[in-house]
């Protein structure tokens, strides 16, 4: 699967608003997001989620280490997908080591729905 990204106006020489890359480590699929998750970029993350079939035996990790802004649209997507995985008996873990992203998740009470850990290593080891 190719990496997905949304560019700012100005073409490819300008840094993308959001880039989502896919990796596999230790039998775990990792979606690594870099940039901003807002109303304009949440559909990109949703598209990447949709490309990954929900599998009970293959956990999904969403790595937000490189995300510097997480808007309510992104929070809603993470909550909805976390609930979907839980309903199907599968595991989805979000990596959020930085205060800007982690605080958004905590303040909205979404830690009741979203499993959040501080590192990819911890997510893979779960």
PDB file of N, CA and C in Angstrom:
ATOM      1  N   UNK A   1       0.835  -1.181   0.000  1.00  0.00           N
ATOM      2  CA  UNK A   1       0.000   0.000   0.000  1.00  0.00           C
ATOM      3  C   UNK A   1       0.880   1.245   0.000  1.00  0.00           C
ATOM      4  N   UNK A   2       0.571   2.175  -0.836  1.00  0.00           N
ATOM      5  CA  UNK A   2       1.326   3.421  -0.891  1.00  0.00           C
ATOM      6  C   UNK A   2       0.983   4.294   0.310  1.00  0.00           C
ATOM      7  N   UNK A   3       1.925   5.139   0.682  1.00  0.00           N
ATOM      8  CA  UNK A   3       1.657   6.112   1.735  1.00  0.00           C
ATOM      9  C   UNK A   3       0.641   7.113   1.212  1.00  0.00           C
ATOM     10  N   UNK A   4      -0.155   7.648   2.114  1.00  0.00           N
ATOM     11  CA  UNK A   4      -1.140   8.652   1.745  1.00  0.00           C
ATOM     12  C   UNK A   4      -0.770   9.969   2.386  1.00  0.00           C
ATOM     13  N   UNK A   5      -0.995  11.067   1.658  1.00  0.00           N
ATOM     14  CA  UNK A   5      -0.754  12.375   2.246  1.00  0.00           C
ATOM     15  C   UNK A   5      -1.633  13.417   1.581  1.00  0.00           C
ATOM     16  N   UNK A   6      -1.889  14.489   2.311  1.00  0.00           N
ATOM     17  CA  UNK A   6      -2.612  15.650   1.803  1.00  0.00           C
ATOM     18  C   UNK A   6      -1.627  16.809   1.827  1.00  0.00           C
ATOM     19  N   UNK A   7      -1.453  17.446   0.678  1.00  0.00           N
ATOM     20  CA  UNK A   7      -0.513  18.553   0.555  1.00  0.00           C
ATOM     21  C   UNK A   7      -1.191  19.888   0.849  1.00  0.00           C
ATOM     22  N   UNK A   8      -0.429  20.817   1.330  1.00  0.00           N
ATOM     23  CA  UNK A   8      -0.875  22.205   1.448  1.00  0.00           C
ATOM     24  C   UNK A   8      -0.904  22.795   0.042  1.00  0.00           C
ATOM     25  N   UNK A   9      -1.587  23.895  -0.108  1.00  0.00           N
ATOM     26  CA  UNK A   9      -1.530  24.590  -1.390  1.00  0.00           C
ATOM     27  C   UNK A   9      -0.088  25.007  -1.632  1.00  0.00           C
ATOM     28  N   UNK A  10       0.348  24.891  -2.846  1.00  0.00           N
ATOM     29  CA  UNK A  10       1.726  25.245  -3.165  1.00  0.00           C
ATOM     30  C   UNK A  10       2.482  24.077  -3.755  1.00  0.00           C
ATOM     31  N   UNK A  11       1.864  22.895  -3.782  1.00  0.00           N
ATOM     32  CA  UNK A  11       2.454  21.752  -4.458  1.00  0.00           C
ATOM     33  C   UNK A  11       3.368  20.919  -3.590  1.00  0.00           C
ATOM     34  N   UNK A  12       4.097  20.004  -4.232  1.00  0.00           N
ATOM     35  CA  UNK A  12       4.889  19.020  -3.510  1.00  0.00           C
ATOM     36  C   UNK A  12       6.086  19.574  -2.751  1.00  0.00           C
ATOM     37  N   UNK A  13       6.512  20.794  -3.038  1.00  0.00           N
ATOM     38  CA  UNK A  13       7.660  21.354  -2.317  1.00  0.00           C
ATOM     39  C   UNK A  13       7.265  21.810  -0.909  1.00  0.00           C
ATOM     40  N   UNK A  14       5.967  21.863  -0.645  1.00  0.00           N
ATOM     41  CA  UNK A  14       5.470  22.281   0.659  1.00  0.00           C
ATOM     42  C   UNK A  14       5.162  21.032   1.481  1.00  0.00           C
ATOM     43  N   UNK A  15       5.471  21.063   2.769  1.00  0.00           N
ATOM     44  CA  UNK A  15       5.232  19.903   3.626  1.00  0.00           C
ATOM     45  C   UNK A  15       3.746  19.539   3.648  1.00  0.00           C
ATOM     46  N   UNK A  16       3.425  18.246   3.659  1.00  0.00           N
ATOM     47  CA  UNK A  16       2.019  17.842   3.699  1.00  0.00           C
ATOM     48  C   UNK A  16       1.373  18.181   5.031  1.00  0.00           C
ATOM     49  N   UNK A  17       0.053  18.429   5.000  1.00  0.00           N
ATOM     50  CA  UNK A  17      -0.684  18.649   6.241  1.00  0.00           C
ATOM     51  C   UNK A  17      -0.723  17.376   7.072  1.00  0.00           C
ATOM     52  N   UNK A  18      -0.904  16.243   6.386  1.00  0.00           N
ATOM     53  CA  UNK A  18      -0.938  14.958   7.073  1.00  0.00           C
ATOM     54  C   UNK A  18      -0.370  13.891   6.165  1.00  0.00           C
ATOM     55  N   UNK A  19       0.442  13.059   6.738  1.00  0.00           N
ATOM     56  CA  UNK A  19       0.997  11.899   6.034  1.00  0.00           C
ATOM     57  C   UNK A  19       0.698  10.683   6.898  1.00  0.00           C
ATOM     58  N   UNK A  20       0.229   9.616   6.267  1.00  0.00           N
ATOM     59  CA  UNK A  20      -0.054   8.377   6.994  1.00  0.00           C
ATOM     60  C   UNK A  20       0.706   7.251   6.301  1.00  0.00           C
ATOM     61  N   UNK A  21       1.598   6.621   7.048  1.00  0.00           N
ATOM     62  CA  UNK A  21       2.417   5.525   6.536  1.00  0.00           C
ATOM     63  C   UNK A  21       2.009   4.226   7.228  1.00  0.00           C
ATOM     64  N   UNK A  22       2.186   3.117   6.538  1.00  0.00           N
ATOM     65  CA  UNK A  22       1.842   1.804   7.084  1.00  0.00           C
ATOM     66  C   UNK A  22       3.114   0.977   7.250  1.00  0.00           C
ATOM     67  N   UNK A  23       3.247   0.361   8.433  1.00  0.00           N
ATOM     68  CA  UNK A  23       4.359  -0.520   8.742  1.00  0.00           C
ATOM     69  C   UNK A  23       3.802  -1.777   9.395  1.00  0.00           C
ATOM     70  N   UNK A  24       4.577  -2.841   9.381  1.00  0.00           N
ATOM     71  CA  UNK A  24       4.248  -4.050  10.139  1.00  0.00           C
ATOM     72  C   UNK A  24       5.452  -4.353  11.012  1.00  0.00           C
ATOM     73  N   UNK A  25       5.205  -4.541  12.300  1.00  0.00           N
ATOM     74  CA  UNK A  25       6.275  -4.828  13.253  1.00  0.00           C
ATOM     75  C   UNK A  25       5.773  -5.875  14.237  1.00  0.00           C
ATOM     76  N   UNK A  26       6.453  -7.008  14.306  1.00  0.00           N
ATOM     77  CA  UNK A  26       6.079  -8.042  15.261  1.00  0.00           C
ATOM     78  C   UNK A  26       4.644  -8.521  15.096  1.00  0.00           C
ATOM     79  N   UNK A  27       4.156  -8.619  13.866  1.00  0.00           N
ATOM     80  CA  UNK A  27       2.794  -9.083  13.630  1.00  0.00           C
ATOM     81  C   UNK A  27       1.722  -8.048  13.918  1.00  0.00           C
ATOM     82  N   UNK A  28       2.130  -6.802  14.123  1.00  0.00           N
ATOM     83  CA  UNK A  28       1.211  -5.704  14.420  1.00  0.00           C
ATOM     84  C   UNK A  28       1.265  -4.702  13.270  1.00  0.00           C
ATOM     85  N   UNK A  29       0.100  -4.267  12.795  1.00  0.00           N
ATOM     86  CA  UNK A  29       0.048  -3.233  11.757  1.00  0.00           C
ATOM     87  C   UNK A  29       0.109  -1.875  12.449  1.00  0.00           C
ATOM     88  N   UNK A  30       0.997  -1.018  11.960  1.00  0.00           N
ATOM     89  CA  UNK A  30       1.167   0.323  12.534  1.00  0.00           C
ATOM     90  C   UNK A  30       0.842   1.356  11.460  1.00  0.00           C
ATOM     91  N   UNK A  31      -0.087   2.243  11.772  1.00  0.00           N
ATOM     92  CA  UNK A  31      -0.359   3.403  10.936  1.00  0.00           C
ATOM     93  C   UNK A  31       0.277   4.601  11.620  1.00  0.00           C
ATOM     94  N   UNK A  32       1.291   5.169  10.999  1.00  0.00           N
ATOM     95  CA  UNK A  32       2.016   6.293  11.592  1.00  0.00           C
ATOM     96  C   UNK A  32       1.582   7.587  10.918  1.00  0.00           C
ATOM     97  N   UNK A  33       0.932   8.449  11.697  1.00  0.00           N
ATOM     98  CA  UNK A  33       0.463   9.736  11.189  1.00  0.00           C
ATOM     99  C   UNK A  33       1.459  10.825  11.566  1.00  0.00           C
ATOM    100  N   UNK A  34       1.692  11.731  10.624  1.00  0.00           N
ATOM    101  CA  UNK A  34       2.590  12.859  10.860  1.00  0.00           C
ATOM    102  C   UNK A  34       1.914  14.113  10.326  1.00  0.00           C
ATOM    103  N   UNK A  35       1.808  15.138  11.165  1.00  0.00           N
ATOM    104  CA  UNK A  35       1.219  16.402  10.744  1.00  0.00           C
ATOM    105  C   UNK A  35       0.039  16.797  11.601  1.00  0.00           C
ATOM    106  N   UNK A  36      -1.018  17.263  10.946  1.00  0.00           N
ATOM    107  CA  UNK A  36      -2.203  17.766  11.642  1.00  0.00           C
ATOM    108  C   UNK A  36      -3.416  16.916  11.282  1.00  0.00           C
ATOM    109  N   UNK A  37      -4.208  16.568  12.300  1.00  0.00           N
ATOM    110  CA  UNK A  37      -5.452  15.845  12.063  1.00  0.00           C
ATOM    111  C   UNK A  37      -6.586  16.812  12.392  1.00  0.00           C
ATOM    112  N   UNK A  38      -7.214  17.325  11.335  1.00  0.00           N
ATOM    113  CA  UNK A  38      -8.304  18.288  11.495  1.00  0.00           C
ATOM    114  C   UNK A  38      -9.423  17.932  10.525  1.00  0.00           C
ATOM    115  N   UNK A  39     -10.371  18.820  10.370  1.00  0.00           N
ATOM    116  CA  UNK A  39     -11.519  18.554   9.512  1.00  0.00           C
ATOM    117  C   UNK A  39     -11.102  18.234   8.075  1.00  0.00           C
ATOM    118  N   UNK A  40     -10.059  18.882   7.586  1.00  0.00           N
ATOM    119  CA  UNK A  40      -9.642  18.656   6.197  1.00  0.00           C
ATOM    120  C   UNK A  40      -8.817  17.390   6.010  1.00  0.00           C
ATOM    121  N   UNK A  41      -8.170  16.894   7.069  1.00  0.00           N
ATOM    122  CA  UNK A  41      -7.287  15.737   6.928  1.00  0.00           C
ATOM    123  C   UNK A  41      -7.840  14.455   7.547  1.00  0.00           C
ATOM    124  N   UNK A  42      -8.870  14.558   8.378  1.00  0.00           N
ATOM    125  CA  UNK A  42      -9.461  13.357   8.975  1.00  0.00           C
ATOM    126  C   UNK A  42      -9.910  12.352   7.921  1.00  0.00           C
ATOM    127  N   UNK A  43     -10.468  12.786   6.779  1.00  0.00           N
ATOM    128  CA  UNK A  43     -10.844  11.802   5.762  1.00  0.00           C
ATOM    129  C   UNK A  43      -9.665  10.953   5.261  1.00  0.00           C
ATOM    130  N   UNK A  44      -8.470  11.515   5.230  1.00  0.00           N
ATOM    131  CA  UNK A  44      -7.291  10.746   4.840  1.00  0.00           C
ATOM    132  C   UNK A  44      -7.029   9.632   5.839  1.00  0.00           C
ATOM    133  N   UNK A  45      -7.089   9.948   7.122  1.00  0.00           N
ATOM    134  CA  UNK A  45      -6.893   8.932   8.149  1.00  0.00           C
ATOM    135  C   UNK A  45      -8.005   7.885   8.083  1.00  0.00           C
ATOM    136  N   UNK A  46      -9.227   8.328   7.851  1.00  0.00           N
ATOM    137  CA  UNK A  46     -10.352   7.390   7.714  1.00  0.00           C
ATOM    138  C   UNK A  46     -10.127   6.461   6.526  1.00  0.00           C
ATOM    139  N   UNK A  47      -9.635   7.004   5.425  1.00  0.00           N
ATOM    140  CA  UNK A  47      -9.358   6.189   4.240  1.00  0.00           C
ATOM    141  C   UNK A  47      -8.319   5.126   4.550  1.00  0.00           C
ATOM    142  N   UNK A  48      -7.291   5.506   5.282  1.00  0.00           N
ATOM    143  CA  UNK A  48      -6.243   4.536   5.644  1.00  0.00           C
ATOM    144  C   UNK A  48      -6.807   3.458   6.566  1.00  0.00           C
ATOM    145  N   UNK A  49      -7.641   3.860   7.530  1.00  0.00           N
ATOM    146  CA  UNK A  49      -8.315   2.877   8.380  1.00  0.00           C
ATOM    147  C   UNK A  49      -9.105   1.900   7.519  1.00  0.00           C
ATOM    148  N   UNK A  50      -9.840   2.424   6.554  1.00  0.00           N
ATOM    149  CA  UNK A  50     -10.704   1.595   5.712  1.00  0.00           C
ATOM    150  C   UNK A  50      -9.913   0.604   4.868  1.00  0.00           C
ATOM    151  N   UNK A  51      -8.661   0.885   4.607  1.00  0.00           N
ATOM    152  CA  UNK A  51      -7.815  -0.027   3.838  1.00  0.00           C
ATOM    153  C   UNK A  51      -7.311  -1.197   4.670  1.00  0.00           C
ATOM    154  N   UNK A  52      -7.460  -1.104   5.994  1.00  0.00           N
ATOM    155  CA  UNK A  52      -7.011  -2.168   6.883  1.00  0.00           C
ATOM    156  C   UNK A  52      -8.205  -2.998   7.336  1.00  0.00           C
ATOM    157  N   UNK A  53      -8.272  -4.255   6.950  1.00  0.00           N
ATOM    158  CA  UNK A  53      -9.379  -5.083   7.436  1.00  0.00           C
ATOM    159  C   UNK A  53      -9.243  -5.304   8.945  1.00  0.00           C
ATOM    160  N   UNK A  54     -10.363  -5.288   9.647  1.00  0.00           N
ATOM    161  CA  UNK A  54     -10.351  -5.560  11.089  1.00  0.00           C
ATOM    162  C   UNK A  54     -10.100  -7.050  11.261  1.00  0.00           C
ATOM    163  N   UNK A  55      -9.009  -7.388  11.967  1.00  0.00           N
ATOM    164  CA  UNK A  55      -8.651  -8.789  12.193  1.00  0.00           C
ATOM    165  C   UNK A  55      -8.413  -9.004  13.679  1.00  0.00           C
ATOM    166  N   UNK A  56      -9.070 -10.013  14.222  1.00  0.00           N
ATOM    167  CA  UNK A  56      -8.926 -10.298  15.650  1.00  0.00           C
ATOM    168  C   UNK A  56      -7.487 -10.657  15.988  1.00  0.00           C
ATOM    169  N   UNK A  57      -6.789 -11.350  15.089  1.00  0.00           N
ATOM    170  CA  UNK A  57      -5.436 -11.823  15.381  1.00  0.00           C
ATOM    171  C   UNK A  57      -4.321 -10.879  14.919  1.00  0.00           C
ATOM    172  N   UNK A  58      -4.685  -9.718  14.348  1.00  0.00           N
ATOM    173  CA  UNK A  58      -3.683  -8.730  13.917  1.00  0.00           C
ATOM    174  C   UNK A  58      -4.045  -7.369  14.503  1.00  0.00           C
ATOM    175  N   UNK A  59      -3.396  -7.002  15.626  1.00  0.00           N
ATOM    176  CA  UNK A  59      -3.698  -5.713  16.246  1.00  0.00           C
ATOM    177  C   UNK A  59      -3.314  -4.536  15.331  1.00  0.00           C
ATOM    178  N   UNK A  60      -3.998  -3.427  15.526  1.00  0.00           N
ATOM    179  CA  UNK A  60      -3.702  -2.195  14.802  1.00  0.00           C
ATOM    180  C   UNK A  60      -3.237  -1.143  15.799  1.00  0.00           C
ATOM    181  N   UNK A  61      -2.118  -0.499  15.488  1.00  0.00           N
ATOM    182  CA  UNK A  61      -1.580   0.589  16.293  1.00  0.00           C
ATOM    183  C   UNK A  61      -1.640   1.856  15.453  1.00  0.00           C
ATOM    184  N   UNK A  62      -2.194   2.913  16.013  1.00  0.00           N
ATOM    185  CA  UNK A  62      -2.218   4.215  15.357  1.00  0.00           C
ATOM    186  C   UNK A  62      -1.215   5.091  16.103  1.00  0.00           C
ATOM    187  N   UNK A  63      -0.096   5.355  15.454  1.00  0.00           N
ATOM    188  CA  UNK A  63       1.000   6.104  16.069  1.00  0.00           C
ATOM    189  C   UNK A  63       0.835   7.596  15.779  1.00  0.00           C
ATOM    190  N   UNK A  64       0.523   8.351  16.821  1.00  0.00           N
ATOM    191  CA  UNK A  64       0.331   9.795  16.690  1.00  0.00           C
ATOM    192  C   UNK A  64       1.539  10.581  17.209  1.00  0.00           C
ATOM    193  N   UNK A  65       2.689   9.926  17.309  1.00  0.00           N
ATOM    194  CA  UNK A  65       3.896  10.588  17.803  1.00  0.00           C
ATOM    195  C   UNK A  65       4.221  11.833  16.992  1.00  0.00           C
ATOM    196  N   UNK A  66       4.015  11.788  15.684  1.00  0.00           N
ATOM    197  CA  UNK A  66       4.345  12.914  14.813  1.00  0.00           C
ATOM    198  C   UNK A  66       3.197  13.877  14.572  1.00  0.00           C
ATOM    199  N   UNK A  67       2.120  13.744  15.339  1.00  0.00           N
ATOM    200  CA  UNK A  67       0.955  14.626  15.169  1.00  0.00           C
ATOM    201  C   UNK A  67       1.074  15.785  16.142  1.00  0.00           C
ATOM    202  N   UNK A  68       0.945  17.007  15.628  1.00  0.00           N
ATOM    203  CA  UNK A  68       1.057  18.183  16.496  1.00  0.00           C
ATOM    204  C   UNK A  68      -0.275  18.881  16.721  1.00  0.00           C
ATOM    205  N   UNK A  69      -1.344  18.393  16.074  1.00  0.00           N
ATOM    206  CA  UNK A  69      -2.678  18.962  16.296  1.00  0.00           C
ATOM    207  C   UNK A  69      -3.710  17.881  16.042  1.00  0.00           C
ATOM    208  N   UNK A  70      -4.645  17.723  16.982  1.00  0.00           N
ATOM    209  CA  UNK A  70      -5.712  16.730  16.872  1.00  0.00           C
ATOM    210  C   UNK A  70      -7.039  17.407  17.179  1.00  0.00           C
ATOM    211  N   UNK A  71      -7.822  17.647  16.130  1.00  0.00           N
ATOM    212  CA  UNK A  71      -9.116  18.321  16.275  1.00  0.00           C
ATOM    213  C   UNK A  71     -10.213  17.316  16.630  1.00  0.00           C
ATOM    214  N   UNK A  72     -11.389  17.846  16.922  1.00  0.00           N
ATOM    215  CA  UNK A  72     -12.512  17.002  17.333  1.00  0.00           C
ATOM    216  C   UNK A  72     -12.899  15.990  16.258  1.00  0.00           C
ATOM    217  N   UNK A  73     -12.728  16.327  14.996  1.00  0.00           N
ATOM    218  CA  UNK A  73     -13.050  15.366  13.931  1.00  0.00           C
ATOM    219  C   UNK A  73     -12.152  14.139  14.015  1.00  0.00           C
ATOM    220  N   UNK A  74     -10.880  14.354  14.320  1.00  0.00           N
ATOM    221  CA  UNK A  74      -9.941  13.242  14.500  1.00  0.00           C
ATOM    222  C   UNK A  74     -10.243  12.442  15.749  1.00  0.00           C
ATOM    223  N   UNK A  75     -10.603  13.134  16.819  1.00  0.00           N
ATOM    224  CA  UNK A  75     -10.992  12.439  18.052  1.00  0.00           C
ATOM    225  C   UNK A  75     -12.208  11.551  17.814  1.00  0.00           C
ATOM    226  N   UNK A  76     -13.179  12.087  17.087  1.00  0.00           N
ATOM    227  CA  UNK A  76     -14.382  11.315  16.788  1.00  0.00           C
ATOM    228  C   UNK A  76     -14.069  10.073  15.976  1.00  0.00           C
ATOM    229  N   UNK A  77     -13.187  10.212  14.993  1.00  0.00           N
ATOM    230  CA  UNK A  77     -12.794   9.065  14.178  1.00  0.00           C
ATOM    231  C   UNK A  77     -12.094   8.012  15.029  1.00  0.00           C
ATOM    232  N   UNK A  78     -11.160   8.431  15.875  1.00  0.00           N
ATOM    233  CA  UNK A  78     -10.449   7.479  16.730  1.00  0.00           C
ATOM    234  C   UNK A  78     -11.411   6.762  17.678  1.00  0.00           C
ATOM    235  N   UNK A  79     -12.365   7.499  18.238  1.00  0.00           N
ATOM    236  CA  UNK A  79     -13.347   6.896  19.146  1.00  0.00           C
ATOM    237  C   UNK A  79     -14.220   5.888  18.408  1.00  0.00           C
ATOM    238  N   UNK A  80     -14.698   6.269  17.229  1.00  0.00           N
ATOM    239  CA  UNK A  80     -15.571   5.377  16.454  1.00  0.00           C
ATOM    240  C   UNK A  80     -14.836   4.113  16.048  1.00  0.00           C
ATOM    241  N   UNK A  81     -13.613   4.249  15.567  1.00  0.00           N
ATOM    242  CA  UNK A  81     -12.861   3.071  15.128  1.00  0.00           C
ATOM    243  C   UNK A  81     -12.440   2.202  16.313  1.00  0.00           C
ATOM    244  N   UNK A  82     -12.104   2.819  17.432  1.00  0.00           N
ATOM    245  CA  UNK A  82     -11.765   2.051  18.631  1.00  0.00           C
ATOM    246  C   UNK A  82     -12.957   1.215  19.075  1.00  0.00           C
ATOM    247  N   UNK A  83     -14.136   1.818  19.052  1.00  0.00           N
ATOM    248  CA  UNK A  83     -15.350   1.101  19.435  1.00  0.00           C
ATOM    249  C   UNK A  83     -15.642  -0.037  18.456  1.00  0.00           C
ATOM    250  N   UNK A  84     -15.466   0.224  17.165  1.00  0.00           N
ATOM    251  CA  UNK A  84     -15.692  -0.813  16.150  1.00  0.00           C
ATOM    252  C   UNK A  84     -14.765  -2.006  16.382  1.00  0.00           C
ATOM    253  N   UNK A  85     -13.493  -1.733  16.627  1.00  0.00           N
ATOM    254  CA  UNK A  85     -12.543  -2.813  16.886  1.00  0.00           C
ATOM    255  C   UNK A  85     -12.954  -3.597  18.131  1.00  0.00           C
ATOM    256  N   UNK A  86     -13.305  -2.902  19.186  1.00  0.00           N
ATOM    257  CA  UNK A  86     -13.719  -3.567  20.430  1.00  0.00           C
ATOM    258  C   UNK A  86     -14.956  -4.429  20.196  1.00  0.00           C
ATOM    259  N   UNK A  87     -15.926  -3.905  19.471  1.00  0.00           N
ATOM    260  CA  UNK A  87     -17.160  -4.660  19.193  1.00  0.00           C
ATOM    261  C   UNK A  87     -16.882  -5.942  18.432  1.00  0.00           C
ATOM    262  N   UNK A  88     -15.830  -5.941  17.603  1.00  0.00           N
ATOM    263  CA  UNK A  88     -15.492  -7.119  16.806  1.00  0.00           C
ATOM    264  C   UNK A  88     -14.460  -8.012  17.485  1.00  0.00           C
ATOM    265  N   UNK A  89     -14.061  -7.646  18.717  1.00  0.00           N
ATOM    266  CA  UNK A  89     -13.096  -8.452  19.454  1.00  0.00           C
ATOM    267  C   UNK A  89     -11.665  -8.256  18.997  1.00  0.00           C
ATOM    268  N   UNK A  90     -11.416  -7.180  18.276  1.00  0.00           N
ATOM    269  CA  UNK A  90     -10.067  -6.876  17.788  1.00  0.00           C
ATOM    270  C   UNK A  90      -9.447  -5.786  18.666  1.00  0.00           C
ATOM    271  N   UNK A  91      -8.151  -5.565  18.468  1.00  0.00           N
ATOM    272  CA  UNK A  91      -7.458  -4.596  19.320  1.00  0.00           C
ATOM    273  C   UNK A  91      -6.912  -3.428  18.511  1.00  0.00           C
ATOM    274  N   UNK A  92      -7.228  -2.220  18.936  1.00  0.00           N
ATOM    275  CA  UNK A  92      -6.695  -0.991  18.365  1.00  0.00           C
ATOM    276  C   UNK A  92      -6.087  -0.189  19.513  1.00  0.00           C
ATOM    277  N   UNK A  93      -4.844   0.212  19.338  1.00  0.00           N
ATOM    278  CA  UNK A  93      -4.140   0.991  20.358  1.00  0.00           C
ATOM    279  C   UNK A  93      -3.627   2.275  19.729  1.00  0.00           C
ATOM    280  N   UNK A  94      -3.750   3.375  20.441  1.00  0.00           N
ATOM    281  CA  UNK A  94      -3.264   4.665  19.977  1.00  0.00           C
ATOM    282  C   UNK A  94      -2.009   5.034  20.767  1.00  0.00           C
ATOM    283  N   UNK A  95      -0.974   5.438  20.054  1.00  0.00           N
ATOM    284  CA  UNK A  95       0.258   5.918  20.678  1.00  0.00           C
ATOM    285  C   UNK A  95       0.202   7.440  20.676  1.00  0.00           C
ATOM    286  N   UNK A  96       0.236   8.015  21.880  1.00  0.00           N
ATOM    287  CA  UNK A  96       0.165   9.477  22.022  1.00  0.00           C
ATOM    288  C   UNK A  96       1.115   9.922  23.140  1.00  0.00           C
ATOM    289  N   UNK A  97       2.393  10.099  22.820  1.00  0.00           N
ATOM    290  CA  UNK A  97       3.353  10.463  23.856  1.00  0.00           C
ATOM    291  C   UNK A  97       3.421  11.949  24.175  1.00  0.00           C
ATOM    292  N   UNK A  98       2.878  12.791  23.301  1.00  0.00           N
ATOM    293  CA  UNK A  98       3.015  14.235  23.479  1.00  0.00           C
ATOM    294  C   UNK A  98       1.750  14.843  24.077  1.00  0.00           C
ATOM    295  N   UNK A  99       1.955  15.794  24.940  1.00  0.00           N
ATOM    296  CA  UNK A  99       0.873  16.408  25.698  1.00  0.00           C
ATOM    297  C   UNK A  99      -0.230  17.002  24.824  1.00  0.00           C
ATOM    298  N   UNK A 100       0.105  17.616  23.716  1.00  0.00           N
ATOM    299  CA  UNK A 100      -0.905  18.281  22.877  1.00  0.00           C
ATOM    300  C   UNK A 100      -1.974  17.295  22.415  1.00  0.00           C
ATOM    301  N   UNK A 101      -1.564  16.119  22.004  1.00  0.00           N
ATOM    302  CA  UNK A 101      -2.516  15.106  21.528  1.00  0.00           C
ATOM    303  C   UNK A 101      -3.131  14.358  22.709  1.00  0.00           C
ATOM    304  N   UNK A 102      -2.317  13.940  23.643  1.00  0.00           N
ATOM    305  CA  UNK A 102      -2.806  13.180  24.788  1.00  0.00           C
ATOM    306  C   UNK A 102      -3.833  13.973  25.592  1.00  0.00           C
ATOM    307  N   UNK A 103      -3.589  15.240  25.778  1.00  0.00           N
ATOM    308  CA  UNK A 103      -4.511  16.083  26.551  1.00  0.00           C
ATOM    309  C   UNK A 103      -5.886  16.163  25.888  1.00  0.00           C
ATOM    310  N   UNK A 104      -5.923  16.243  24.564  1.00  0.00           N
ATOM    311  CA  UNK A 104      -7.203  16.264  23.851  1.00  0.00           C
ATOM    312  C   UNK A 104      -7.995  14.985  24.115  1.00  0.00           C
ATOM    313  N   UNK A 105      -7.307  13.874  24.093  1.00  0.00           N
ATOM    314  CA  UNK A 105      -7.973  12.585  24.338  1.00  0.00           C
ATOM    315  C   UNK A 105      -8.453  12.501  25.779  1.00  0.00           C
ATOM    316  N   UNK A 106      -7.617  12.920  26.713  1.00  0.00           N
ATOM    317  CA  UNK A 106      -7.977  12.851  28.130  1.00  0.00           C
ATOM    318  C   UNK A 106      -9.107  13.804  28.497  1.00  0.00           C
ATOM    319  N   UNK A 107      -9.031  15.046  28.032  1.00  0.00           N
ATOM    320  CA  UNK A 107     -10.042  16.047  28.394  1.00  0.00           C
ATOM    321  C   UNK A 107     -11.433  15.699  27.894  1.00  0.00           C
ATOM    322  N   UNK A 108     -11.502  14.976  26.794  1.00  0.00           N
ATOM    323  CA  UNK A 108     -12.803  14.588  26.255  1.00  0.00           C
ATOM    324  C   UNK A 108     -13.327  13.301  26.872  1.00  0.00           C
ATOM    325  N   UNK A 109     -12.551  12.690  27.748  1.00  0.00           N
ATOM    326  CA  UNK A 109     -12.976  11.452  28.400  1.00  0.00           C
ATOM    327  C   UNK A 109     -12.881  10.229  27.505  1.00  0.00           C
ATOM    328  N   UNK A 110     -12.199  10.361  26.383  1.00  0.00           N
ATOM    329  CA  UNK A 110     -12.137   9.261  25.434  1.00  0.00           C
ATOM    330  C   UNK A 110     -11.184   8.141  25.845  1.00  0.00           C
ATOM    331  N   UNK A 111     -10.467   8.327  26.943  1.00  0.00           N
ATOM    332  CA  UNK A 111      -9.624   7.227  27.423  1.00  0.00           C
ATOM    333  C   UNK A 111     -10.485   6.061  27.909  1.00  0.00           C
ATOM    334  N   UNK A 112     -11.785   6.302  28.077  1.00  0.00           N
ATOM    335  CA  UNK A 112     -12.713   5.207  28.414  1.00  0.00           C
ATOM    336  C   UNK A 112     -12.950   4.305  27.205  1.00  0.00           C
ATOM    337  N   UNK A 113     -12.760   4.845  26.005  1.00  0.00           N
ATOM    338  CA  UNK A 113     -13.014   4.108  24.764  1.00  0.00           C
ATOM    339  C   UNK A 113     -11.720   3.762  24.045  1.00  0.00           C
ATOM    340  N   UNK A 114     -10.768   4.695  24.072  1.00  0.00           N
ATOM    341  CA  UNK A 114      -9.529   4.549  23.316  1.00  0.00           C
ATOM    342  C   UNK A 114      -8.409   4.085  24.242  1.00  0.00           C
ATOM    343  N   UNK A 115      -7.732   2.999  23.844  1.00  0.00           N
ATOM    344  CA  UNK A 115      -6.557   2.545  24.584  1.00  0.00           C
ATOM    345  C   UNK A 115      -5.370   3.384  24.125  1.00  0.00           C
ATOM    346  N   UNK A 116      -4.763   4.112  25.065  1.00  0.00           N
ATOM    347  CA  UNK A 116      -3.659   5.020  24.739  1.00  0.00           C
ATOM    348  C   UNK A 116      -2.418   4.585  25.513  1.00  0.00           C
ATOM    349  N   UNK A 117      -1.298   4.507  24.800  1.00  0.00           N
ATOM    350  CA  UNK A 117      -0.008   4.182  25.418  1.00  0.00           C
ATOM    351  C   UNK A 117       1.019   5.220  24.956  1.00  0.00           C
ATOM    352  N   UNK A 118       2.141   5.338  25.681  1.00  0.00           N
ATOM    353  CA  UNK A 118       3.116   6.385  25.352  1.00  0.00           C
ATOM    354  C   UNK A 118       4.137   6.034  24.270  1.00  0.00           C
ATOM    355  N   UNK A 119       4.198   4.754  23.837  1.00  0.00           N
ATOM    356  CA  UNK A 119       5.222   4.406  22.842  1.00  0.00           C
ATOM    357  C   UNK A 119       4.748   3.269  21.937  1.00  0.00           C
ATOM    358  N   UNK A 120       5.326   3.234  20.744  1.00  0.00           N
ATOM    359  CA  UNK A 120       5.035   2.150  19.811  1.00  0.00           C
ATOM    360  C   UNK A 120       5.493   0.825  20.405  1.00  0.00           C
ATOM    361  N   UNK A 121       6.639   0.833  21.074  1.00  0.00           N
ATOM    362  CA  UNK A 121       7.166  -0.387  21.678  1.00  0.00           C
ATOM    363  C   UNK A 121       6.169  -0.985  22.663  1.00  0.00           C
ATOM    364  N   UNK A 122       5.570  -0.134  23.486  1.00  0.00           N
ATOM    365  CA  UNK A 122       4.582  -0.616  24.447  1.00  0.00           C
ATOM    366  C   UNK A 122       3.322  -1.129  23.739  1.00  0.00           C
ATOM    367  N   UNK A 123       2.915  -0.443  22.683  1.00  0.00           N
ATOM    368  CA  UNK A 123       1.745  -0.883  21.929  1.00  0.00           C
ATOM    369  C   UNK A 123       1.967  -2.245  21.273  1.00  0.00           C
ATOM    370  N   UNK A 124       3.141  -2.444  20.696  1.00  0.00           N
ATOM    371  CA  UNK A 124       3.468  -3.709  20.029  1.00  0.00           C
ATOM    372  C   UNK A 124       3.560  -4.846  21.051  1.00  0.00           C
ATOM    373  N   UNK A 125       4.061  -4.547  22.245  1.00  0.00           N
ATOM    374  CA  UNK A 125       4.249  -5.567  23.281  1.00  0.00           C
ATOM    375  C   UNK A 125       2.938  -5.994  23.943  1.00  0.00           C
ATOM    376  N   UNK A 126       1.860  -5.239  23.771  1.00  0.00           N
ATOM    377  CA  UNK A 126       0.587  -5.541  24.445  1.00  0.00           C
ATOM    378  C   UNK A 126      -0.021  -6.827  23.950  1.00  0.00           C
TER     379      UNK A 126
END
